[in-house]
Amino acid sequence: QVQLVESGGGLVQPGGSLRLSCVVSGSFFSFYNMGWYRQAPGKQRELVATMSASGWSNYADSVKGRFTISRDNAKNTVDLRMNSLKPEDAAVYYCNANWPDLSRDYWGQGTQVTVSS
């Protein structure tokens, strides 16, 4: 059983920074593609950043240059460093673990990020 637990959300002023962390329990973490997604009220869940099992990263255009995804396979964690936050970054952020060859897809419970002065 794979479980994902996010932390690090909170209230930050525009221009500020936050770091989200996701701890993954279970085996074979290094085989999973990891990602961060977000969902704002009234909007669909959208991709923020992903990092493949091989370490290749991908970002939504709206966060390129501001957000950085990283993973630590020894600690079973994936982080999202968010800089220069904007009000439109406010959302619930979800961690995702995906292993497409085995059709395994898991989500965390989400962590709220609020960007407001």
C-alpha atoms as a PDB file:
ATOM      1  CA  GLN A   1       0.000   0.000   0.000  1.00  0.00           C
ATOM      2  CA  VAL A   2       1.397   3.385  -1.028  1.00  0.00           C
ATOM      3  CA  GLN A   3       0.478   6.475   0.955  1.00  0.00           C
ATOM      4  CA  LEU A   4       1.431  10.060   0.215  1.00  0.00           C
ATOM      5  CA  VAL A   5       1.455  12.791   2.849  1.00  0.00           C
ATOM      6  CA  GLU A   6       1.997  16.414   1.877  1.00  0.00           C
ATOM      7  CA  SER A   7       3.124  19.213   4.152  1.00  0.00           C
ATOM      8  CA  GLY A   8       4.395  22.758   3.936  1.00  0.00           C
ATOM      9  CA  GLY A   9       1.357  24.646   2.764  1.00  0.00           C
ATOM     10  CA  GLY A  10       0.221  27.865   4.366  1.00  0.00           C
ATOM     11  CA  LEU A  11      -0.352  31.561   3.922  1.00  0.00           C
ATOM     12  CA  VAL A  12       2.296  33.610   2.164  1.00  0.00           C
ATOM     13  CA  GLN A  13       2.388  37.125   0.775  1.00  0.00           C
ATOM     14  CA  PRO A  14       2.772  37.752  -2.953  1.00  0.00           C
ATOM     15  CA  GLY A  15       6.414  37.444  -3.888  1.00  0.00           C
ATOM     16  CA  GLY A  16       7.100  35.066  -1.048  1.00  0.00           C
ATOM     17  CA  SER A  17       8.291  31.477  -1.031  1.00  0.00           C
ATOM     18  CA  LEU A  18       7.107  28.127   0.239  1.00  0.00           C
ATOM     19  CA  ARG A  19       8.431  24.607   0.101  1.00  0.00           C
ATOM     20  CA  LEU A  20       6.040  21.724  -0.126  1.00  0.00           C
ATOM     21  CA  SER A  21       7.123  18.234   0.814  1.00  0.00           C
ATOM     22  CA  CYS A  22       5.583  14.860   0.115  1.00  0.00           C
ATOM     23  CA  VAL A  23       6.601  11.729   1.969  1.00  0.00           C
ATOM     24  CA  VAL A  24       5.762   8.454   0.292  1.00  0.00           C
ATOM     25  CA  SER A  25       5.370   5.232   2.222  1.00  0.00           C
ATOM     26  CA  GLY A  26       5.707   1.899   0.513  1.00  0.00           C
ATOM     27  CA  SER A  27       8.273   0.220  -1.648  1.00  0.00           C
ATOM     28  CA  PHE A  28       9.871   1.020  -4.961  1.00  0.00           C
ATOM     29  CA  PHE A  29       9.653   4.813  -4.642  1.00  0.00           C
ATOM     30  CA  SER A  30      12.472   5.272  -7.142  1.00  0.00           C
ATOM     31  CA  PHE A  31      10.406   3.580  -9.838  1.00  0.00           C
ATOM     32  CA  TYR A  32       7.563   6.070  -9.606  1.00  0.00           C
ATOM     33  CA  ASN A  33       7.133   9.203 -11.641  1.00  0.00           C
ATOM     34  CA  MET A  34       6.345  11.907  -9.096  1.00  0.00           C
ATOM     35  CA  GLY A  35       4.350  15.046  -9.567  1.00  0.00           C
ATOM     36  CA  TRP A  36       2.693  18.040  -8.009  1.00  0.00           C
ATOM     37  CA  TYR A  37      -0.730  19.158  -9.135  1.00  0.00           C
ATOM     38  CA  ARG A  38      -3.003  21.903  -7.906  1.00  0.00           C
ATOM     39  CA  GLN A  39      -6.679  22.709  -7.878  1.00  0.00           C
ATOM     40  CA  ALA A  40      -8.124  26.133  -7.261  1.00  0.00           C
ATOM     41  CA  PRO A  41     -11.802  26.634  -6.360  1.00  0.00           C
ATOM     42  CA  GLY A  42     -14.029  26.190  -9.378  1.00  0.00           C
ATOM     43  CA  LYS A  43     -11.181  24.975 -11.552  1.00  0.00           C
ATOM     44  CA  GLN A  44      -9.921  21.620 -12.723  1.00  0.00           C
ATOM     45  CA  ARG A  45      -6.882  20.012 -11.219  1.00  0.00           C
ATOM     46  CA  GLU A  46      -3.814  20.962 -13.222  1.00  0.00           C
ATOM     47  CA  LEU A  47      -0.253  19.797 -13.524  1.00  0.00           C
ATOM     48  CA  VAL A  48       2.334  21.959 -11.792  1.00  0.00           C
ATOM     49  CA  ALA A  49       5.527  19.935 -12.075  1.00  0.00           C
ATOM     50  CA  THR A  50       6.604  16.358 -12.543  1.00  0.00           C
ATOM     51  CA  MET A  51       9.806  14.447 -12.158  1.00  0.00           C
ATOM     52  CA  SER A  52      10.220  11.071 -13.784  1.00  0.00           C
ATOM     53  CA  ALA A  53      11.870   8.059 -12.215  1.00  0.00           C
ATOM     54  CA  SER A  54      14.940   8.886 -14.287  1.00  0.00           C
ATOM     55  CA  GLY A  55      15.044  12.444 -12.976  1.00  0.00           C
ATOM     56  CA  TRP A  56      13.638  14.328 -15.958  1.00  0.00           C
ATOM     57  CA  SER A  57      11.512  17.272 -14.871  1.00  0.00           C
ATOM     58  CA  ASN A  58       8.637  19.056 -16.526  1.00  0.00           C
ATOM     59  CA  TYR A  59       6.813  22.248 -15.519  1.00  0.00           C
ATOM     60  CA  ALA A  60       3.644  24.061 -16.365  1.00  0.00           C
ATOM     61  CA  ASP A  61       4.412  27.228 -18.304  1.00  0.00           C
ATOM     62  CA  SER A  62       2.854  29.315 -15.554  1.00  0.00           C
ATOM     63  CA  VAL A  63       5.456  28.196 -12.993  1.00  0.00           C
ATOM     64  CA  LYS A  64       8.587  27.829 -15.093  1.00  0.00           C
ATOM     65  CA  GLY A  65      11.482  29.726 -13.570  1.00  0.00           C
ATOM     66  CA  ARG A  66       9.708  30.088 -10.223  1.00  0.00           C
ATOM     67  CA  PHE A  67       9.078  26.540  -9.037  1.00  0.00           C
ATOM     68  CA  THR A  68      11.549  23.678  -8.682  1.00  0.00           C
ATOM     69  CA  ILE A  69      10.697  20.033  -8.154  1.00  0.00           C
ATOM     70  CA  SER A  70      13.179  17.665  -6.572  1.00  0.00           C
ATOM     71  CA  ARG A  71      13.173  14.143  -5.227  1.00  0.00           C
ATOM     72  CA  ASP A  72      15.236  12.180  -2.764  1.00  0.00           C
ATOM     73  CA  ASN A  73      14.986   8.476  -3.469  1.00  0.00           C
ATOM     74  CA  ALA A  74      16.824   7.635  -0.267  1.00  0.00           C
ATOM     75  CA  LYS A  75      14.193   9.415   1.822  1.00  0.00           C
ATOM     76  CA  ASN A  76      11.146   8.680  -0.360  1.00  0.00           C
ATOM     77  CA  THR A  77      10.361  12.350  -0.654  1.00  0.00           C
ATOM     78  CA  VAL A  78       9.510  14.805  -3.392  1.00  0.00           C
ATOM     79  CA  ASP A  79       9.625  18.548  -2.780  1.00  0.00           C
ATOM     80  CA  LEU A  80       8.300  21.571  -4.587  1.00  0.00           C
ATOM     81  CA  ARG A  81      10.139  24.798  -3.998  1.00  0.00           C
ATOM     82  CA  MET A  82       7.936  27.747  -4.915  1.00  0.00           C
ATOM     83  CA  ASN A  83       9.382  31.229  -5.280  1.00  0.00           C
ATOM     84  CA  SER A  84       7.894  34.539  -6.367  1.00  0.00           C
ATOM     85  CA  LEU A  85       4.432  33.332  -5.495  1.00  0.00           C
ATOM     86  CA  LYS A  86       1.457  35.049  -7.075  1.00  0.00           C
ATOM     87  CA  PRO A  87      -2.180  35.186  -5.967  1.00  0.00           C
ATOM     88  CA  GLU A  88      -3.039  32.914  -8.884  1.00  0.00           C
ATOM     89  CA  ASP A  89      -0.812  30.203  -7.405  1.00  0.00           C
ATOM     90  CA  ALA A  90      -3.256  29.804  -4.536  1.00  0.00           C
ATOM     91  CA  ALA A  91      -4.773  26.334  -4.591  1.00  0.00           C
ATOM     92  CA  VAL A  92      -4.779  22.973  -2.919  1.00  0.00           C
ATOM     93  CA  TYR A  93      -1.574  21.242  -3.973  1.00  0.00           C
ATOM     94  CA  TYR A  94      -1.555  17.486  -4.400  1.00  0.00           C
ATOM     95  CA  CYS A  95       1.306  15.048  -4.597  1.00  0.00           C
ATOM     96  CA  ASN A  96       1.041  12.218  -7.113  1.00  0.00           C
ATOM     97  CA  ALA A  97       2.934   8.970  -7.597  1.00  0.00           C
ATOM     98  CA  ASN A  98       2.505   7.242 -10.906  1.00  0.00           C
ATOM     99  CA  TRP A  99       3.875   3.982 -12.288  1.00  0.00           C
ATOM    100  CA  PRO A 100       2.253   3.671 -15.689  1.00  0.00           C
ATOM    101  CA  ASP A 101       3.613   0.227 -16.614  1.00  0.00           C
ATOM    102  CA  LEU A 102       1.796  -1.240 -13.621  1.00  0.00           C
ATOM    103  CA  SER A 103      -1.196   1.132 -13.788  1.00  0.00           C
ATOM    104  CA  ARG A 104      -0.428   2.416 -10.315  1.00  0.00           C
ATOM    105  CA  ASP A 105      -1.518   5.933  -9.489  1.00  0.00           C
ATOM    106  CA  TYR A 106      -1.705   7.413  -5.993  1.00  0.00           C
ATOM    107  CA  TRP A 107      -2.619  10.808  -4.577  1.00  0.00           C
ATOM    108  CA  GLY A 108      -2.052  12.608  -1.336  1.00  0.00           C
ATOM    109  CA  GLN A 109      -4.740  14.421   0.600  1.00  0.00           C
ATOM    110  CA  GLY A 110      -3.539  17.853  -0.491  1.00  0.00           C
ATOM    111  CA  THR A 111      -2.109  20.893   1.241  1.00  0.00           C
ATOM    112  CA  GLN A 112      -3.543  24.385   0.996  1.00  0.00           C
ATOM    113  CA  VAL A 113      -1.458  27.250  -0.353  1.00  0.00           C
ATOM    114  CA  THR A 114      -2.851  30.742   0.074  1.00  0.00           C
ATOM    115  CA  VAL A 115      -1.144  33.751  -1.485  1.00  0.00           C
ATOM    116  CA  SER A 116      -2.503  36.980  -0.156  1.00  0.00           C
ATOM    117  CA  SER A 117      -1.405  40.240   1.364  1.00  0.00           C
END
